[in-house]
N, C-alpha and C. Protein backbone atom coordinates (compact mmCIF):
# COMPACT_ATOMS: atom_id res chain seq x y z
N UNK A 1 3.70 21.83 18.67
CA UNK A 1 3.26 22.92 17.82
C UNK A 1 3.93 24.24 18.20
N UNK A 2 4.12 24.43 19.52
CA UNK A 2 4.75 25.66 19.99
C UNK A 2 6.20 25.74 19.51
N UNK A 3 6.91 24.63 19.58
CA UNK A 3 8.31 24.61 19.15
C UNK A 3 8.38 24.82 17.65
N UNK A 4 7.51 24.17 16.90
CA UNK A 4 7.47 24.32 15.45
C UNK A 4 7.22 25.78 15.07
N UNK A 5 6.26 26.39 15.74
CA UNK A 5 5.93 27.79 15.48
C UNK A 5 7.12 28.70 15.77
N UNK A 6 7.80 28.45 16.89
CA UNK A 6 8.95 29.28 17.27
C UNK A 6 10.08 29.14 16.26
N UNK A 7 10.34 27.92 15.82
CA UNK A 7 11.40 27.70 14.83
C UNK A 7 11.07 28.40 13.51
N UNK A 8 9.83 28.30 13.08
CA UNK A 8 9.43 28.96 11.84
C UNK A 8 9.53 30.48 11.98
N UNK A 9 9.13 30.98 13.15
CA UNK A 9 9.20 32.42 13.40
C UNK A 9 10.64 32.92 13.30
N UNK A 10 11.58 32.06 13.72
CA UNK A 10 12.99 32.43 13.66
C UNK A 10 13.62 32.15 12.30
N UNK A 11 12.83 31.60 11.36
CA UNK A 11 13.30 31.39 10.00
C UNK A 11 14.00 30.08 9.73
N UNK A 12 13.83 29.09 10.59
CA UNK A 12 14.47 27.80 10.38
C UNK A 12 13.57 26.87 9.59
N UNK A 13 14.18 26.08 8.70
CA UNK A 13 13.45 25.06 7.95
C UNK A 13 13.54 23.75 8.71
N UNK A 14 12.38 23.15 8.97
CA UNK A 14 12.31 21.93 9.78
C UNK A 14 12.32 20.71 8.86
N UNK A 15 13.21 19.77 9.16
CA UNK A 15 13.24 18.50 8.44
C UNK A 15 12.25 17.54 9.10
N UNK A 16 12.35 17.39 10.42
CA UNK A 16 11.42 16.54 11.15
C UNK A 16 11.26 17.06 12.57
N UNK A 17 10.10 16.76 13.14
CA UNK A 17 9.83 17.16 14.52
C UNK A 17 9.03 16.04 15.17
N UNK A 18 9.51 15.59 16.33
CA UNK A 18 8.86 14.53 17.10
C UNK A 18 8.95 14.92 18.56
N UNK A 19 8.35 14.11 19.39
CA UNK A 19 8.39 14.35 20.83
C UNK A 19 9.84 14.46 21.30
N UNK A 20 10.24 15.65 21.71
CA UNK A 20 11.58 15.86 22.26
C UNK A 20 12.71 16.01 21.28
N UNK A 21 12.43 15.95 19.98
CA UNK A 21 13.49 16.03 18.97
C UNK A 21 13.06 16.88 17.79
N UNK A 22 13.98 17.72 17.34
CA UNK A 22 13.75 18.53 16.15
C UNK A 22 15.00 18.45 15.29
N UNK A 23 14.81 18.27 14.00
CA UNK A 23 15.93 18.31 13.07
C UNK A 23 15.66 19.44 12.08
N UNK A 24 16.63 20.35 11.98
CA UNK A 24 16.50 21.48 11.05
C UNK A 24 17.58 21.38 9.98
N UNK A 25 17.40 22.16 8.91
CA UNK A 25 18.30 22.04 7.76
C UNK A 25 19.67 22.65 7.98
N UNK A 26 19.81 23.57 8.91
CA UNK A 26 21.09 24.24 9.12
C UNK A 26 21.57 24.06 10.56
N UNK A 27 22.88 24.17 10.76
CA UNK A 27 23.44 24.16 12.11
C UNK A 27 23.25 25.53 12.72
N UNK A 28 23.05 25.56 14.03
CA UNK A 28 22.88 26.84 14.73
C UNK A 28 24.23 27.41 15.11
N UNK A 29 24.40 28.73 14.91
CA UNK A 29 25.59 29.36 15.45
C UNK A 29 25.29 29.72 16.91
N UNK A 30 26.27 30.21 17.63
CA UNK A 30 26.12 30.47 19.06
C UNK A 30 24.99 31.45 19.37
N UNK A 31 24.87 32.54 18.60
CA UNK A 31 23.83 33.54 18.88
C UNK A 31 22.44 32.97 18.58
N UNK A 32 22.31 32.18 17.51
CA UNK A 32 21.02 31.55 17.19
C UNK A 32 20.64 30.56 18.28
N UNK A 33 21.61 29.81 18.74
CA UNK A 33 21.37 28.83 19.79
C UNK A 33 20.89 29.50 21.07
N UNK A 34 21.54 30.60 21.44
CA UNK A 34 21.16 31.33 22.65
C UNK A 34 19.76 31.93 22.50
N UNK A 35 19.46 32.49 21.33
CA UNK A 35 18.15 33.09 21.10
C UNK A 35 17.06 32.01 21.13
N UNK A 36 17.31 30.90 20.47
CA UNK A 36 16.33 29.82 20.45
C UNK A 36 16.12 29.28 21.87
N UNK A 37 17.20 29.10 22.60
CA UNK A 37 17.10 28.62 23.98
C UNK A 37 16.25 29.56 24.82
N UNK A 38 16.49 30.85 24.69
CA UNK A 38 15.74 31.86 25.44
C UNK A 38 14.25 31.80 25.08
N UNK A 39 13.96 31.74 23.78
CA UNK A 39 12.57 31.71 23.33
C UNK A 39 11.86 30.43 23.77
N UNK A 40 12.56 29.31 23.72
CA UNK A 40 11.96 28.05 24.16
C UNK A 40 11.73 28.03 25.67
N UNK A 41 12.65 28.61 26.43
CA UNK A 41 12.47 28.70 27.88
C UNK A 41 11.22 29.48 28.23
N UNK A 42 10.94 30.54 27.48
CA UNK A 42 9.74 31.33 27.71
C UNK A 42 8.47 30.51 27.49
N UNK A 43 8.58 29.50 26.62
CA UNK A 43 7.44 28.62 26.33
C UNK A 43 7.40 27.40 27.25
N UNK A 44 8.38 27.30 28.15
CA UNK A 44 8.42 26.18 29.08
C UNK A 44 9.21 24.99 28.57
N UNK A 45 10.04 25.18 27.54
CA UNK A 45 10.85 24.11 26.98
C UNK A 45 12.32 24.40 27.23
N UNK A 46 13.14 23.39 27.02
CA UNK A 46 14.57 23.53 27.24
C UNK A 46 15.30 23.02 26.00
N UNK A 47 16.28 23.77 25.55
CA UNK A 47 17.11 23.35 24.42
C UNK A 47 18.25 22.50 24.96
N UNK A 48 18.30 21.27 24.49
CA UNK A 48 19.35 20.36 24.93
C UNK A 48 20.40 20.27 23.83
N UNK A 49 21.60 20.75 24.13
CA UNK A 49 22.63 20.71 23.10
C UNK A 49 23.79 19.80 23.49
N UNK A 50 23.75 19.24 24.67
CA UNK A 50 24.76 18.29 25.08
C UNK A 50 24.36 16.91 24.55
N UNK A 51 25.30 16.23 23.90
CA UNK A 51 25.00 14.94 23.29
C UNK A 51 24.47 13.92 24.31
N UNK A 52 25.06 13.90 25.50
CA UNK A 52 24.59 12.98 26.54
C UNK A 52 23.17 13.27 26.95
N UNK A 53 22.86 14.56 27.16
CA UNK A 53 21.49 14.94 27.52
C UNK A 53 20.51 14.59 26.42
N UNK A 54 20.93 14.77 25.18
CA UNK A 54 20.06 14.43 24.05
C UNK A 54 19.77 12.94 24.05
N UNK A 55 20.78 12.14 24.30
CA UNK A 55 20.60 10.69 24.31
C UNK A 55 19.66 10.28 25.44
N UNK A 56 19.83 10.87 26.62
CA UNK A 56 18.95 10.57 27.75
C UNK A 56 17.51 10.94 27.40
N UNK A 57 17.31 12.09 26.79
CA UNK A 57 15.96 12.51 26.39
C UNK A 57 15.38 11.55 25.35
N UNK A 58 16.22 11.08 24.44
CA UNK A 58 15.75 10.11 23.45
C UNK A 58 15.34 8.81 24.12
N UNK A 59 16.09 8.37 25.12
CA UNK A 59 15.72 7.17 25.87
C UNK A 59 14.37 7.37 26.54
N UNK A 60 14.22 8.50 27.23
CA UNK A 60 12.95 8.79 27.91
C UNK A 60 11.79 8.82 26.91
N UNK A 61 12.01 9.45 25.77
CA UNK A 61 10.95 9.55 24.76
C UNK A 61 10.57 8.18 24.22
N UNK A 62 11.55 7.31 24.02
CA UNK A 62 11.26 5.95 23.53
C UNK A 62 10.46 5.17 24.56
N UNK A 63 10.82 5.33 25.83
CA UNK A 63 10.10 4.63 26.90
C UNK A 63 8.67 5.15 27.02
N UNK A 64 8.50 6.45 26.99
CA UNK A 64 7.15 7.03 27.06
C UNK A 64 6.32 6.56 25.87
N UNK A 65 6.94 6.53 24.70
CA UNK A 65 6.26 6.05 23.50
C UNK A 65 5.82 4.59 23.68
N UNK A 66 6.71 3.76 24.22
CA UNK A 66 6.37 2.35 24.46
C UNK A 66 5.21 2.21 25.43
N UNK A 67 5.25 2.94 26.52
CA UNK A 67 4.25 2.81 27.58
C UNK A 67 2.89 3.39 27.17
N UNK A 68 2.90 4.53 26.51
CA UNK A 68 1.65 5.23 26.24
C UNK A 68 1.06 4.99 24.85
N UNK A 69 1.88 4.64 23.89
CA UNK A 69 1.36 4.61 22.52
C UNK A 69 1.51 3.29 21.79
N UNK A 70 2.40 2.42 22.23
CA UNK A 70 2.60 1.14 21.54
C UNK A 70 1.97 0.03 22.37
N UNK A 71 0.79 -0.37 21.97
CA UNK A 71 0.05 -1.34 22.76
C UNK A 71 0.24 -2.78 22.28
N UNK A 72 0.89 -2.97 21.12
CA UNK A 72 1.12 -4.33 20.65
C UNK A 72 2.24 -4.99 21.44
N UNK A 73 2.23 -6.30 21.47
CA UNK A 73 3.25 -7.05 22.19
C UNK A 73 4.63 -6.80 21.58
N UNK A 74 5.60 -6.49 22.42
CA UNK A 74 6.97 -6.30 21.98
C UNK A 74 7.63 -7.67 21.88
N UNK A 75 8.39 -7.87 20.84
CA UNK A 75 9.06 -9.15 20.65
C UNK A 75 10.43 -9.20 21.30
N UNK A 76 10.97 -8.05 21.67
CA UNK A 76 12.29 -8.02 22.31
C UNK A 76 12.17 -7.34 23.67
N UNK A 77 13.17 -7.53 24.50
CA UNK A 77 13.14 -6.88 25.81
C UNK A 77 13.52 -5.40 25.66
N UNK A 78 13.37 -4.66 26.73
CA UNK A 78 13.60 -3.21 26.70
C UNK A 78 15.03 -2.88 26.29
N UNK A 79 16.00 -3.59 26.83
CA UNK A 79 17.40 -3.28 26.53
C UNK A 79 17.69 -3.47 25.04
N UNK A 80 17.21 -4.55 24.45
CA UNK A 80 17.42 -4.79 23.01
C UNK A 80 16.69 -3.74 22.18
N UNK A 81 15.47 -3.43 22.57
CA UNK A 81 14.69 -2.42 21.86
C UNK A 81 15.42 -1.08 21.82
N UNK A 82 15.87 -0.62 22.99
CA UNK A 82 16.56 0.69 23.05
C UNK A 82 17.88 0.66 22.29
N UNK A 83 18.65 -0.40 22.47
CA UNK A 83 19.95 -0.50 21.78
C UNK A 83 19.75 -0.48 20.26
N UNK A 84 18.78 -1.25 19.77
CA UNK A 84 18.50 -1.28 18.33
C UNK A 84 17.97 0.05 17.83
N UNK A 85 17.02 0.61 18.58
CA UNK A 85 16.37 1.85 18.15
C UNK A 85 17.32 3.05 18.16
N UNK A 86 18.20 3.09 19.14
CA UNK A 86 19.11 4.23 19.27
C UNK A 86 20.48 3.97 18.66
N UNK A 87 20.71 2.74 18.21
CA UNK A 87 21.96 2.42 17.54
C UNK A 87 23.18 2.49 18.42
N UNK A 88 23.00 2.17 19.71
CA UNK A 88 24.12 2.18 20.64
C UNK A 88 24.04 0.95 21.54
N UNK A 89 25.16 0.58 22.10
CA UNK A 89 25.22 -0.54 23.02
C UNK A 89 24.41 -0.20 24.27
N UNK A 90 23.62 -1.17 24.76
CA UNK A 90 22.76 -0.90 25.91
C UNK A 90 23.55 -0.54 27.16
N UNK A 91 24.69 -1.15 27.38
CA UNK A 91 25.47 -0.83 28.58
C UNK A 91 25.91 0.64 28.57
N UNK A 92 26.22 1.17 27.39
CA UNK A 92 26.58 2.59 27.27
C UNK A 92 25.38 3.47 27.58
N UNK A 93 24.23 3.10 27.01
CA UNK A 93 23.00 3.86 27.26
C UNK A 93 22.64 3.83 28.75
N UNK A 94 22.75 2.65 29.34
CA UNK A 94 22.39 2.47 30.74
C UNK A 94 23.29 3.31 31.66
N UNK A 95 24.56 3.28 31.40
CA UNK A 95 25.52 4.05 32.21
C UNK A 95 25.25 5.55 32.09
N UNK A 96 25.06 6.02 30.86
CA UNK A 96 24.78 7.43 30.62
C UNK A 96 23.48 7.86 31.32
N UNK A 97 22.45 7.05 31.20
CA UNK A 97 21.15 7.36 31.81
C UNK A 97 21.29 7.44 33.33
N UNK A 98 21.93 6.44 33.92
CA UNK A 98 22.09 6.40 35.38
C UNK A 98 22.89 7.59 35.89
N UNK A 99 23.95 7.95 35.17
CA UNK A 99 24.78 9.09 35.59
C UNK A 99 23.99 10.40 35.52
N UNK A 100 23.18 10.57 34.49
CA UNK A 100 22.43 11.82 34.32
C UNK A 100 21.17 11.89 35.16
N UNK A 101 20.51 10.75 35.37
CA UNK A 101 19.20 10.76 36.02
C UNK A 101 19.20 10.27 37.46
N UNK A 102 20.27 9.59 37.87
CA UNK A 102 20.32 9.07 39.23
C UNK A 102 19.40 7.87 39.45
N UNK A 103 18.95 7.25 38.38
CA UNK A 103 18.13 6.05 38.45
C UNK A 103 18.43 5.21 37.21
N UNK A 104 18.00 3.99 37.24
CA UNK A 104 18.26 3.11 36.10
C UNK A 104 17.17 3.25 35.05
N UNK A 105 17.49 2.82 33.85
CA UNK A 105 16.49 2.81 32.78
C UNK A 105 15.33 1.90 33.18
N UNK A 106 15.65 0.74 33.75
CA UNK A 106 14.61 -0.21 34.15
C UNK A 106 13.66 0.41 35.17
N UNK A 107 14.21 1.12 36.16
CA UNK A 107 13.35 1.76 37.16
C UNK A 107 12.50 2.86 36.53
N UNK A 108 13.08 3.66 35.68
CA UNK A 108 12.32 4.70 34.99
C UNK A 108 11.17 4.09 34.19
N UNK A 109 11.44 2.97 33.52
CA UNK A 109 10.43 2.27 32.74
C UNK A 109 9.29 1.78 33.64
N UNK A 110 9.65 1.20 34.77
CA UNK A 110 8.64 0.70 35.71
C UNK A 110 7.78 1.86 36.23
N UNK A 111 8.41 2.96 36.61
CA UNK A 111 7.67 4.12 37.11
C UNK A 111 6.70 4.64 36.05
N UNK A 112 7.15 4.69 34.80
CA UNK A 112 6.26 5.13 33.71
C UNK A 112 5.08 4.18 33.56
N UNK A 113 5.37 2.88 33.61
CA UNK A 113 4.30 1.89 33.47
C UNK A 113 3.29 2.00 34.61
N UNK A 114 3.77 2.19 35.83
CA UNK A 114 2.87 2.31 36.97
C UNK A 114 2.01 3.57 36.87
N UNK A 115 2.60 4.66 36.41
CA UNK A 115 1.80 5.88 36.21
C UNK A 115 0.73 5.67 35.15
N UNK A 116 1.06 4.89 34.12
CA UNK A 116 0.07 4.56 33.08
C UNK A 116 -1.02 3.66 33.67
N UNK A 117 -0.64 2.71 34.51
CA UNK A 117 -1.63 1.86 35.16
C UNK A 117 -2.58 2.73 35.99
N UNK A 118 -2.03 3.68 36.76
CA UNK A 118 -2.86 4.59 37.56
C UNK A 118 -3.87 5.31 36.67
N UNK A 119 -3.37 5.83 35.55
CA UNK A 119 -4.24 6.56 34.62
C UNK A 119 -5.37 5.66 34.13
N UNK A 120 -5.02 4.46 33.71
CA UNK A 120 -6.04 3.54 33.18
C UNK A 120 -7.01 3.10 34.27
N UNK A 121 -6.53 2.94 35.49
CA UNK A 121 -7.43 2.61 36.61
C UNK A 121 -8.41 3.74 36.87
N UNK A 122 -7.93 4.97 36.80
CA UNK A 122 -8.80 6.13 37.03
C UNK A 122 -9.86 6.27 35.94
N UNK A 123 -9.51 5.92 34.71
CA UNK A 123 -10.49 5.97 33.62
C UNK A 123 -11.60 4.95 33.84
N UNK A 124 -11.27 3.85 34.53
CA UNK A 124 -12.23 2.81 34.86
C UNK A 124 -12.91 2.20 33.64
N UNK A 125 -12.18 2.14 32.53
CA UNK A 125 -12.74 1.59 31.29
C UNK A 125 -12.20 0.20 30.98
N UNK A 126 -11.14 -0.21 31.67
CA UNK A 126 -10.51 -1.50 31.40
C UNK A 126 -10.39 -2.29 32.69
N UNK A 127 -10.41 -3.61 32.56
CA UNK A 127 -10.16 -4.45 33.72
C UNK A 127 -8.66 -4.49 33.97
N UNK A 128 -8.29 -4.97 35.13
CA UNK A 128 -6.87 -5.09 35.45
C UNK A 128 -6.18 -6.07 34.49
N UNK A 129 -6.90 -7.11 34.10
CA UNK A 129 -6.36 -8.07 33.12
C UNK A 129 -6.07 -7.39 31.79
N UNK A 130 -6.99 -6.55 31.33
CA UNK A 130 -6.79 -5.84 30.06
C UNK A 130 -5.63 -4.85 30.16
N UNK A 131 -5.50 -4.20 31.31
CA UNK A 131 -4.39 -3.27 31.52
C UNK A 131 -3.07 -4.04 31.50
N UNK A 132 -3.04 -5.19 32.16
CA UNK A 132 -1.82 -6.02 32.20
C UNK A 132 -1.42 -6.41 30.78
N UNK A 133 -2.36 -6.81 29.97
CA UNK A 133 -2.07 -7.19 28.58
C UNK A 133 -1.56 -5.99 27.80
N UNK A 134 -2.25 -4.86 27.92
CA UNK A 134 -1.85 -3.67 27.17
C UNK A 134 -0.45 -3.21 27.51
N UNK A 135 -0.05 -3.35 28.77
CA UNK A 135 1.26 -2.87 29.20
C UNK A 135 2.31 -3.98 29.23
N UNK A 136 2.00 -5.09 28.58
CA UNK A 136 2.95 -6.19 28.42
C UNK A 136 3.43 -6.82 29.72
N UNK A 137 2.55 -6.88 30.71
CA UNK A 137 2.88 -7.64 31.92
C UNK A 137 2.61 -9.11 31.63
N UNK A 138 3.39 -9.98 32.24
CA UNK A 138 3.22 -11.42 32.00
C UNK A 138 1.88 -11.91 32.56
N UNK A 139 1.42 -11.28 33.65
CA UNK A 139 0.12 -11.63 34.22
C UNK A 139 -0.31 -10.54 35.20
N UNK A 140 -1.54 -10.66 35.69
CA UNK A 140 -2.10 -9.65 36.60
C UNK A 140 -1.35 -9.63 37.92
N UNK A 141 -0.91 -10.79 38.37
CA UNK A 141 -0.19 -10.86 39.65
C UNK A 141 1.11 -10.05 39.57
N UNK A 142 1.82 -10.16 38.45
CA UNK A 142 3.06 -9.40 38.28
C UNK A 142 2.77 -7.90 38.30
N UNK A 143 1.74 -7.48 37.59
CA UNK A 143 1.36 -6.06 37.59
C UNK A 143 1.01 -5.63 39.01
N UNK A 144 0.19 -6.39 39.70
CA UNK A 144 -0.25 -6.03 41.06
C UNK A 144 0.92 -5.95 42.02
N UNK A 145 1.84 -6.91 41.94
CA UNK A 145 3.02 -6.89 42.81
C UNK A 145 3.89 -5.66 42.55
N UNK A 146 4.11 -5.37 41.28
CA UNK A 146 4.94 -4.21 40.94
C UNK A 146 4.23 -2.91 41.35
N UNK A 147 2.93 -2.87 41.18
CA UNK A 147 2.14 -1.69 41.57
C UNK A 147 2.25 -1.47 43.08
N UNK A 148 2.06 -2.54 43.85
CA UNK A 148 2.13 -2.44 45.31
C UNK A 148 3.53 -2.05 45.77
N UNK A 149 4.55 -2.62 45.16
CA UNK A 149 5.94 -2.32 45.52
C UNK A 149 6.27 -0.85 45.23
N UNK A 150 5.72 -0.31 44.15
CA UNK A 150 6.03 1.06 43.73
C UNK A 150 5.19 2.09 44.48
N UNK A 151 3.89 1.80 44.68
CA UNK A 151 2.99 2.81 45.25
C UNK A 151 2.66 2.59 46.72
N UNK A 152 2.82 1.34 47.18
CA UNK A 152 2.42 1.01 48.54
C UNK A 152 0.97 0.56 48.63
N UNK A 153 0.27 0.57 47.52
CA UNK A 153 -1.14 0.17 47.47
C UNK A 153 -1.33 -0.93 46.43
N UNK A 154 -2.35 -1.72 46.64
CA UNK A 154 -2.76 -2.63 45.57
C UNK A 154 -3.55 -1.80 44.57
N UNK A 155 -3.74 -2.28 43.35
CA UNK A 155 -4.57 -1.53 42.39
C UNK A 155 -5.97 -1.25 42.93
N UNK A 156 -6.56 -2.21 43.62
CA UNK A 156 -7.90 -2.02 44.18
C UNK A 156 -7.90 -0.93 45.24
N UNK A 157 -6.91 -0.95 46.13
CA UNK A 157 -6.80 0.09 47.15
C UNK A 157 -6.61 1.46 46.51
N UNK A 158 -5.80 1.52 45.47
CA UNK A 158 -5.55 2.78 44.77
C UNK A 158 -6.86 3.35 44.21
N UNK A 159 -7.66 2.50 43.60
CA UNK A 159 -8.94 2.95 43.02
C UNK A 159 -9.87 3.50 44.09
N UNK A 160 -9.74 3.00 45.32
CA UNK A 160 -10.63 3.43 46.40
C UNK A 160 -10.16 4.71 47.09
N UNK A 161 -8.94 5.12 46.83
CA UNK A 161 -8.42 6.34 47.45
C UNK A 161 -9.19 7.56 46.94
N UNK A 162 -9.35 8.52 47.80
CA UNK A 162 -10.01 9.76 47.38
C UNK A 162 -9.02 10.68 46.66
N UNK A 163 -7.76 10.66 47.10
CA UNK A 163 -6.74 11.53 46.51
C UNK A 163 -5.74 10.67 45.72
N UNK A 164 -6.24 10.01 44.68
CA UNK A 164 -5.35 9.15 43.89
C UNK A 164 -4.82 9.90 42.68
N UNK A 165 -3.95 10.84 42.98
CA UNK A 165 -3.40 11.68 41.91
C UNK A 165 -2.21 11.02 41.26
N UNK A 166 -2.07 11.29 40.00
CA UNK A 166 -0.94 10.79 39.22
C UNK A 166 0.13 11.86 39.15
N UNK A 167 1.35 11.43 38.90
CA UNK A 167 2.45 12.36 38.66
C UNK A 167 2.47 12.70 37.18
N UNK A 168 2.81 13.93 36.86
CA UNK A 168 2.94 14.33 35.46
C UNK A 168 4.19 13.71 34.89
N UNK A 169 4.19 13.41 33.59
CA UNK A 169 5.31 12.75 32.94
C UNK A 169 6.61 13.50 33.16
N UNK A 170 6.56 14.83 33.03
CA UNK A 170 7.80 15.60 33.17
C UNK A 170 8.30 15.68 34.61
N UNK A 171 7.47 15.21 35.55
CA UNK A 171 7.88 15.22 36.95
C UNK A 171 8.49 13.91 37.40
N UNK A 172 8.58 12.96 36.50
CA UNK A 172 9.12 11.64 36.87
C UNK A 172 10.61 11.58 36.69
């Protein structure tokens, strides 16, 4: 909403706006781009104008969308999903992501899933089996092993911690 408001304030017509992406009707000239970047920075956002950075952000947004909002079973693996959704070869996406982020897409996906598991464990509204199903784990043992490998704790140990804080999405 903040980005939409800022764009309207600057007189831009918005075609579409989604998490991390905005499409407007006109191309920005250099002064408009600098002004928009400055205004967005004041709001805590960053204008990404490098094509590689945009693609990396699109990958991150698709992964976050998968982990947090798409609870139905996926019929394809992550690499096929991203390649199809972004219209690029997965090896190209993977190389670009690794170069920009210093980690692999697969690792980023696992970290996002584990943070979601932490969140759901803290809510205490679902069983571990239900969480495993929702996050497309093959079984509870796989979820538990990945959780322990990533956090150093089993899900049960994590729930018993007094300081079981989650990382914010933008900090991952």
